[in-house]
Amino acid sequence: MSSAIHPPPSKPQSQPHPPRSRQRLILGVLVFAQLLIWLDGTILSTAFETLSDPVTGLGATPGQLQ
């Protein structure tokens, strides 16, 4: 029977953190993307209300708005 010598398990190499400027850039991109999503929802909400208003809008039904 042969006995193999196994080295002790090494600690996993942790990924170094990206530089602070890159972290701020990533945060800025994510905040900007969230702002665009919020703005898009606001615009669509206003447009749907206007389209569905029977007096000043087109009087669209919920089925037509989809």
Protein backbone atom coordinates (compact mmCIF):
# COMPACT_ATOMS: atom_id res chain seq x y z
CA MET A 1 0.00 0.00 0.00
CA SER A 2 1.42 3.40 -0.92
CA SER A 3 0.82 6.41 1.20
CA ALA A 4 0.59 9.70 -0.62
CA ILE A 5 1.53 12.87 1.14
CA HIS A 6 -1.06 15.55 0.65
CA PRO A 7 -0.20 19.19 1.30
CA PRO A 8 -2.42 20.96 3.81
CA PRO A 9 -5.37 22.71 2.21
CA SER A 10 -4.50 26.25 1.31
CA LYS A 11 -6.69 29.21 2.11
CA PRO A 12 -8.84 30.25 -0.83
CA GLN A 13 -7.55 33.35 -2.53
CA SER A 14 -10.02 36.16 -1.97
CA GLN A 15 -10.70 38.56 -4.79
CA PRO A 16 -9.23 41.98 -4.11
CA HIS A 17 -11.71 44.84 -3.96
CA PRO A 18 -11.83 47.06 -7.04
CA PRO A 19 -10.38 50.54 -6.60
CA ARG A 20 -12.54 53.11 -4.85
CA SER A 21 -13.01 55.13 -8.07
CA ARG A 22 -14.35 52.06 -9.87
CA GLN A 23 -16.76 51.35 -6.99
CA ARG A 24 -18.08 54.91 -7.23
CA LEU A 25 -18.47 54.58 -11.01
CA ILE A 26 -20.46 51.35 -10.60
CA LEU A 27 -22.65 52.96 -7.93
CA GLY A 28 -23.22 55.98 -10.18
CA VAL A 29 -24.27 53.78 -13.10
CA LEU A 30 -26.69 51.83 -10.90
CA VAL A 31 -28.23 55.00 -9.44
CA PHE A 32 -28.60 56.48 -12.94
CA ALA A 33 -30.26 53.28 -14.21
CA GLN A 34 -32.70 53.33 -11.28
CA LEU A 35 -33.49 57.00 -11.99
CA LEU A 36 -34.28 56.16 -15.62
CA ILE A 37 -36.57 53.31 -14.58
CA TRP A 38 -38.43 55.62 -12.17
CA LEU A 39 -38.71 58.34 -14.81
CA ASP A 40 -40.03 55.86 -17.38
CA GLY A 41 -42.71 54.67 -14.95
CA THR A 42 -43.75 58.25 -14.21
CA ILE A 43 -44.04 59.12 -17.90
CA LEU A 44 -46.04 55.99 -18.69
CA SER A 45 -48.36 56.55 -15.75
CA THR A 46 -49.09 60.11 -16.86
CA ALA A 47 -49.58 59.04 -20.48
CA PHE A 48 -52.00 56.26 -19.53
CA GLU A 49 -54.07 58.64 -17.40
CA THR A 50 -54.27 61.11 -20.27
CA LEU A 51 -55.16 58.45 -22.83
CA SER A 52 -57.87 56.95 -20.66
CA ASP A 53 -59.52 60.28 -19.71
CA PRO A 54 -62.84 60.44 -21.60
CA VAL A 55 -63.06 64.25 -21.50
CA THR A 56 -59.57 65.52 -22.38
CA GLY A 57 -58.00 62.31 -23.64
CA LEU A 58 -58.94 59.60 -26.08
CA GLY A 59 -61.18 57.65 -23.72
CA ALA A 60 -59.17 54.46 -24.19
CA THR A 61 -60.30 51.33 -22.35
CA PRO A 62 -57.87 49.31 -20.20
CA GLY A 63 -57.72 46.71 -22.99
CA GLN A 64 -56.67 49.37 -25.50
CA LEU A 65 -53.97 50.67 -23.17
CA GLN A 66 -52.34 47.27 -23.08
